[in-house]
C-alpha atoms as a PDB file:
ATOM      1  CA  MET A   1       0.118 -17.798 -27.232  1.00  0.00           C
ATOM      2  CA  THR A   2       2.516 -14.952 -27.689  1.00  0.00           C
ATOM      3  CA  HIS A   3       4.145 -12.979 -24.563  1.00  0.00           C
ATOM      4  CA  ASP A   4       1.821 -10.214 -25.107  1.00  0.00           C
ATOM      5  CA  GLN A   5      -1.160 -12.213 -25.407  1.00  0.00           C
ATOM      6  CA  ALA A   6      -0.219 -13.932 -22.341  1.00  0.00           C
ATOM      7  CA  ARG A   7       0.542 -10.569 -20.429  1.00  0.00           C
ATOM      8  CA  THR A   8      -3.052  -9.117 -21.710  1.00  0.00           C
ATOM      9  CA  GLN A   9      -4.751 -12.206 -20.471  1.00  0.00           C
ATOM     10  CA  PHE A  10      -3.057 -12.461 -17.162  1.00  0.00           C
ATOM     11  CA  ARG A  11      -3.663  -8.579 -16.615  1.00  0.00           C
ATOM     12  CA  ASN A  12      -7.464  -9.249 -17.520  1.00  0.00           C
ATOM     13  CA  ALA A  13      -7.553 -11.918 -14.902  1.00  0.00           C
ATOM     14  CA  MET A  14      -6.059  -9.900 -12.333  1.00  0.00           C
ATOM     15  CA  ALA A  15      -8.772  -7.229 -12.920  1.00  0.00           C
ATOM     16  CA  SER A  16     -10.920 -10.135 -11.367  1.00  0.00           C
ATOM     17  CA  LEU A  17      -8.994 -10.356  -8.361  1.00  0.00           C
ATOM     18  CA  GLY A  18     -10.183  -7.547  -5.634  1.00  0.00           C
ATOM     19  CA  ALA A  19      -7.579  -6.198  -3.577  1.00  0.00           C
ATOM     20  CA  ALA A  20      -7.121  -3.501  -0.783  1.00  0.00           C
ATOM     21  CA  VAL A  21      -5.569  -0.327  -1.719  1.00  0.00           C
ATOM     22  CA  ASN A  22      -2.770   1.014   0.205  1.00  0.00           C
ATOM     23  CA  VAL A  23       0.004   3.541   0.107  1.00  0.00           C
ATOM     24  CA  ILE A  24       3.587   2.377   0.761  1.00  0.00           C
ATOM     25  CA  THR A  25       5.591   5.290   2.387  1.00  0.00           C
ATOM     26  CA  THR A  26       9.051   5.512   3.425  1.00  0.00           C
ATOM     27  CA  ASP A  27      11.412   8.220   4.998  1.00  0.00           C
ATOM     28  CA  GLY A  28      15.025   8.180   6.016  1.00  0.00           C
ATOM     29  CA  PRO A  29      18.515   9.112   4.649  1.00  0.00           C
ATOM     30  CA  HIS A  30      17.553   8.284   1.047  1.00  0.00           C
ATOM     31  CA  GLY A  31      14.474  10.423   0.946  1.00  0.00           C
ATOM     32  CA  ARG A  32      10.848  10.349   1.506  1.00  0.00           C
ATOM     33  CA  GLY A  33       8.487   8.680  -1.108  1.00  0.00           C
ATOM     34  CA  GLY A  34       5.081   6.813  -1.269  1.00  0.00           C
ATOM     35  CA  ILE A  35       3.446   4.961  -4.001  1.00  0.00           C
ATOM     36  CA  THR A  36      -0.024   3.094  -4.421  1.00  0.00           C
ATOM     37  CA  ALA A  37      -0.029  -0.669  -4.140  1.00  0.00           C
ATOM     38  CA  SER A  38      -2.437  -3.210  -4.151  1.00  0.00           C
ATOM     39  CA  ALA A  39      -0.071  -6.100  -4.221  1.00  0.00           C
ATOM     40  CA  VAL A  40       0.189  -6.299  -0.433  1.00  0.00           C
ATOM     41  CA  CYS A  41      -0.781  -9.206   1.929  1.00  0.00           C
ATOM     42  CA  ALA A  42      -0.219 -10.700   5.333  1.00  0.00           C
ATOM     43  CA  VAL A  43       2.569 -13.428   5.325  1.00  0.00           C
ATOM     44  CA  THR A  44       2.380 -14.577   9.137  1.00  0.00           C
ATOM     45  CA  ASP A  45       1.581 -13.209  12.538  1.00  0.00           C
ATOM     46  CA  THR A  46       4.638 -14.597  14.085  1.00  0.00           C
ATOM     47  CA  PRO A  47       6.427 -12.491  13.694  1.00  0.00           C
ATOM     48  CA  PRO A  48       3.947  -9.922  12.013  1.00  0.00           C
ATOM     49  CA  THR A  49       5.162  -9.674   8.503  1.00  0.00           C
ATOM     50  CA  MET A  50       3.611  -8.290   5.346  1.00  0.00           C
ATOM     51  CA  LEU A  51       4.457  -8.638   1.679  1.00  0.00           C
ATOM     52  CA  VAL A  52       4.578  -5.697  -0.766  1.00  0.00           C
ATOM     53  CA  CYS A  53       5.170  -5.898  -4.361  1.00  0.00           C
ATOM     54  CA  ILE A  54       6.689  -2.717  -6.042  1.00  0.00           C
ATOM     55  CA  ASN A  55       7.691  -2.131  -9.738  1.00  0.00           C
ATOM     56  CA  GLN A  56      11.604  -2.018 -10.053  1.00  0.00           C
ATOM     57  CA  SER A  57      11.119   0.776 -12.454  1.00  0.00           C
ATOM     58  CA  SER A  58       9.474   3.060  -9.898  1.00  0.00           C
ATOM     59  CA  TYR A  59      11.328   5.810  -8.217  1.00  0.00           C
ATOM     60  CA  VAL A  60      10.201   4.931  -4.868  1.00  0.00           C
ATOM     61  CA  HIS A  61      11.517   1.222  -5.182  1.00  0.00           C
ATOM     62  CA  ASP A  62      14.982   2.172  -4.639  1.00  0.00           C
ATOM     63  CA  VAL A  63      14.098   4.691  -2.045  1.00  0.00           C
ATOM     64  CA  LEU A  64      12.288   1.887  -0.035  1.00  0.00           C
ATOM     65  CA  LEU A  65      15.081  -0.276  -0.266  1.00  0.00           C
ATOM     66  CA  SER A  66      17.854   2.032   0.513  1.00  0.00           C
ATOM     67  CA  ASN A  67      15.802   3.134   3.588  1.00  0.00           C
ATOM     68  CA  GLY A  68      15.228  -0.268   4.490  1.00  0.00           C
ATOM     69  CA  ARG A  69      11.734   0.699   6.168  1.00  0.00           C
ATOM     70  CA  ALA A  70       8.191   1.186   5.023  1.00  0.00           C
ATOM     71  CA  CYS A  71       4.667   2.129   6.155  1.00  0.00           C
ATOM     72  CA  ILE A  72       1.814   0.248   4.593  1.00  0.00           C
ATOM     73  CA  ASN A  73      -1.011   2.907   4.843  1.00  0.00           C
ATOM     74  CA  VAL A  74      -4.467   0.834   4.444  1.00  0.00           C
ATOM     75  CA  LEU A  75      -6.750   3.490   2.615  1.00  0.00           C
ATOM     76  CA  GLY A  76     -10.505   4.014   3.460  1.00  0.00           C
ATOM     77  CA  ALA A  77     -13.246   4.495   0.888  1.00  0.00           C
ATOM     78  CA  HIS A  78     -12.937   8.085   1.206  1.00  0.00           C
ATOM     79  CA  ALA A  79      -9.375   8.137  -0.184  1.00  0.00           C
ATOM     80  CA  GLN A  80      -9.873   7.259  -3.914  1.00  0.00           C
ATOM     81  CA  GLU A  81      -8.393  10.511  -4.989  1.00  0.00           C
ATOM     82  CA  LEU A  82      -5.371  10.096  -2.701  1.00  0.00           C
ATOM     83  CA  ALA A  83      -4.682   6.715  -4.196  1.00  0.00           C
ATOM     84  CA  ARG A  84      -4.817   8.139  -7.566  1.00  0.00           C
ATOM     85  CA  VAL A  85      -2.420  10.970  -6.736  1.00  0.00           C
ATOM     86  CA  PHE A  86       0.161   8.548  -5.081  1.00  0.00           C
ATOM     87  CA  ALA A  87      -0.063   6.266  -8.228  1.00  0.00           C
ATOM     88  CA  GLY A  88       1.292   9.142 -10.071  1.00  0.00           C
ATOM     89  CA  MET A  89      -1.926   9.716 -12.142  1.00  0.00           C
ATOM     90  CA  ASP A  90      -1.853  13.532 -11.936  1.00  0.00           C
ATOM     91  CA  GLY A  91       1.764  14.201 -12.361  1.00  0.00           C
ATOM     92  CA  CYS A  92       2.467  15.925  -9.139  1.00  0.00           C
ATOM     93  CA  SER A  93       5.718  15.891  -7.402  1.00  0.00           C
ATOM     94  CA  MET A  94       6.478  13.784  -4.359  1.00  0.00           C
ATOM     95  CA  ASP A  95       6.547  16.817  -2.122  1.00  0.00           C
ATOM     96  CA  GLU A  96       3.035  17.933  -3.632  1.00  0.00           C
ATOM     97  CA  ARG A  97       1.707  14.349  -2.966  1.00  0.00           C
ATOM     98  CA  PHE A  98       2.491  14.636   0.930  1.00  0.00           C
ATOM     99  CA  ALA A  99       1.416  18.356   1.228  1.00  0.00           C
ATOM    100  CA  ARG A 100      -1.942  17.714  -0.429  1.00  0.00           C
ATOM    101  CA  TYR A 101      -3.122  14.849   1.744  1.00  0.00           C
ATOM    102  CA  GLY A 102      -0.899  15.456   4.918  1.00  0.00           C
ATOM    103  CA  SER A 103       1.004  12.826   7.016  1.00  0.00           C
ATOM    104  CA  ARG A 104       2.689  12.971  10.339  1.00  0.00           C
ATOM    105  CA  PRO A 105       5.575  10.797  11.845  1.00  0.00           C
ATOM    106  CA  GLY A 106       4.499   7.440  13.128  1.00  0.00           C
ATOM    107  CA  ALA A 107       6.228   5.469  16.030  1.00  0.00           C
ATOM    108  CA  LEU A 108       9.091   4.562  13.721  1.00  0.00           C
ATOM    109  CA  LYS A 109       9.381   8.237  12.096  1.00  0.00           C
ATOM    110  CA  LEU A 110       7.667   6.826   8.792  1.00  0.00           C
ATOM    111  CA  PRO A 111       5.064   8.940   7.178  1.00  0.00           C
ATOM    112  CA  VAL A 112       1.591   7.584   8.157  1.00  0.00           C
ATOM    113  CA  LEU A 113      -1.004   9.268   6.039  1.00  0.00           C
ATOM    114  CA  ASN A 114      -3.829  11.231   7.858  1.00  0.00           C
ATOM    115  CA  ASP A 115      -6.177   9.374   5.737  1.00  0.00           C
ATOM    116  CA  ALA A 116      -5.131   5.799   6.486  1.00  0.00           C
ATOM    117  CA  ILE A 117      -7.697   3.629   8.418  1.00  0.00           C
ATOM    118  CA  ALA A 118      -4.599   1.588   9.385  1.00  0.00           C
ATOM    119  CA  SER A 119      -1.026   1.915   9.182  1.00  0.00           C
ATOM    120  CA  LEU A 120       1.867  -0.825   9.616  1.00  0.00           C
ATOM    121  CA  GLU A 121       5.229   0.385  10.076  1.00  0.00           C
ATOM    122  CA  GLY A 122       8.411  -1.883   9.864  1.00  0.00           C
ATOM    123  CA  ARG A 123      11.617  -2.943   8.702  1.00  0.00           C
ATOM    124  CA  ILE A 124      12.372  -4.494   5.146  1.00  0.00           C
ATOM    125  CA  VAL A 125      13.758  -7.686   6.158  1.00  0.00           C
ATOM    126  CA  ASP A 126      14.030  -9.311   2.806  1.00  0.00           C
ATOM    127  CA  SER A 127      13.419  -8.637  -0.831  1.00  0.00           C
ATOM    128  CA  LYS A 128      13.265 -10.770  -3.890  1.00  0.00           C
ATOM    129  CA  LYS A 129      13.169  -9.799  -7.545  1.00  0.00           C
ATOM    130  CA  VAL A 130      10.676 -11.430  -9.566  1.00  0.00           C
ATOM    131  CA  GLY A 131      10.162 -10.157 -13.072  1.00  0.00           C
ATOM    132  CA  SER A 132       9.456  -6.759 -13.371  1.00  0.00           C
ATOM    133  CA  HIS A 133       8.965  -6.440  -9.433  1.00  0.00           C
ATOM    134  CA  SER A 134      10.567  -6.645  -6.250  1.00  0.00           C
ATOM    135  CA  VAL A 135       8.729  -8.494  -3.416  1.00  0.00           C
ATOM    136  CA  LEU A 136       9.349  -6.936   0.032  1.00  0.00           C
ATOM    137  CA  PHE A 137       9.079  -8.625   3.163  1.00  0.00           C
ATOM    138  CA  VAL A 138       8.066  -6.110   6.020  1.00  0.00           C
ATOM    139  CA  HIS A 139       8.578  -7.147   9.647  1.00  0.00           C
ATOM    140  CA  VAL A 140       5.867  -4.969  11.218  1.00  0.00           C
ATOM    141  CA  GLU A 141       7.152  -3.239  14.470  1.00  0.00           C
ATOM    142  CA  HIS A 142       4.167  -0.763  15.077  1.00  0.00           C
ATOM    143  CA  ILE A 143       0.302  -0.801  14.143  1.00  0.00           C
ATOM    144  CA  GLY A 144      -2.172   1.761  14.224  1.00  0.00           C
ATOM    145  CA  SER A 145      -5.791   1.559  13.178  1.00  0.00           C
ATOM    146  CA  ARG A 146      -9.198   3.482  13.325  1.00  0.00           C
ATOM    147  CA  GLU A 147     -12.518   1.751  14.105  1.00  0.00           C
ATOM    148  CA  ASP A 148     -14.351   4.166  11.582  1.00  0.00           C
ATOM    149  CA  GLY A 149     -14.446   4.140   7.974  1.00  0.00           C
ATOM    150  CA  ASP A 150     -15.232   1.781   5.065  1.00  0.00           C
ATOM    151  CA  GLY A 151     -12.453  -0.068   3.181  1.00  0.00           C
ATOM    152  CA  LEU A 152     -11.341   0.620  -0.371  1.00  0.00           C
ATOM    153  CA  VAL A 153     -10.681  -2.176  -2.747  1.00  0.00           C
ATOM    154  CA  TYR A 154      -9.631  -2.220  -6.453  1.00  0.00           C
ATOM    155  CA  PHE A 155     -11.592  -4.509  -8.614  1.00  0.00           C
ATOM    156  CA  GLY A 156     -12.323  -4.404 -12.269  1.00  0.00           C
ATOM    157  CA  ARG A 157      -9.951  -1.580 -12.939  1.00  0.00           C
ATOM    158  CA  LYS A 158     -11.986   0.732 -10.665  1.00  0.00           C
ATOM    159  CA  PHE A 159     -11.957   1.768  -6.798  1.00  0.00           C
ATOM    160  CA  HIS A 160     -15.046   0.327  -4.750  1.00  0.00           C
ATOM    161  CA  ARG A 161     -16.056   0.920  -1.216  1.00  0.00           C
ATOM    162  CA  LEU A 162     -16.264  -2.016   1.017  1.00  0.00           C
ATOM    163  CA  ALA A 163     -18.687  -1.343   3.786  1.00  0.00           C
ATOM    164  CA  ARG A 164     -17.703  -2.361   7.319  1.00  0.00           C
ATOM    165  CA  ALA A 165     -20.172  -4.762   8.754  1.00  0.00           C
ATOM    166  CA  ALA A 166     -22.272  -3.381  11.615  1.00  0.00           C
ATOM    167  CA  ALA A 167     -21.668  -4.907  15.071  1.00  0.00           C
ATOM    168  CA  SER A 168     -24.486  -7.322  15.991  1.00  0.00           C
ATOM    169  CA  CYS A 169     -25.776  -8.068  19.410  1.00  0.00           C
ATOM    170  CA  GLU A 170     -27.128 -11.437  20.123  1.00  0.00           C
ATOM    171  CA  ALA A 171     -29.030 -12.502  23.457  1.00  0.00           C
ATOM    172  CA  ALA A 172     -26.929 -15.128  25.345  1.00  0.00           C
END
């Protein structure tokens, strides 16, 4: 199998792996930035730590590492267009992205997107280069969340709504 064939097969297999959709934001002395990412997951809850994979060729990659801080904005089902814009699919500038969708400074002064159903702000405590990407480890220092809104997942190269289960009441 050639390198290109292996890459294509890998990408096709990854299209079968559903993933939450997030926008990773940062702000600080090296600028403000945000990028859509689905390669995000929890590492441990002691201390609360998340893993975020960012392509090294992305402008936001160097800004994130230089600022040393990140906010993981977990997107709800209503935010598909926001995910496309922060993925760079419409060509608008970074300032336009933030202006279009709005954000507020979080507890750590990082951009928390108004449409996020959860936000996890923290310090980047380690990073590892793996192929074309860097794996960033974010020690979470502040968490915000809402109880409303369905989730947004990326599966089969498309966005999908993930419905929140309704609370059930059982007699004791």
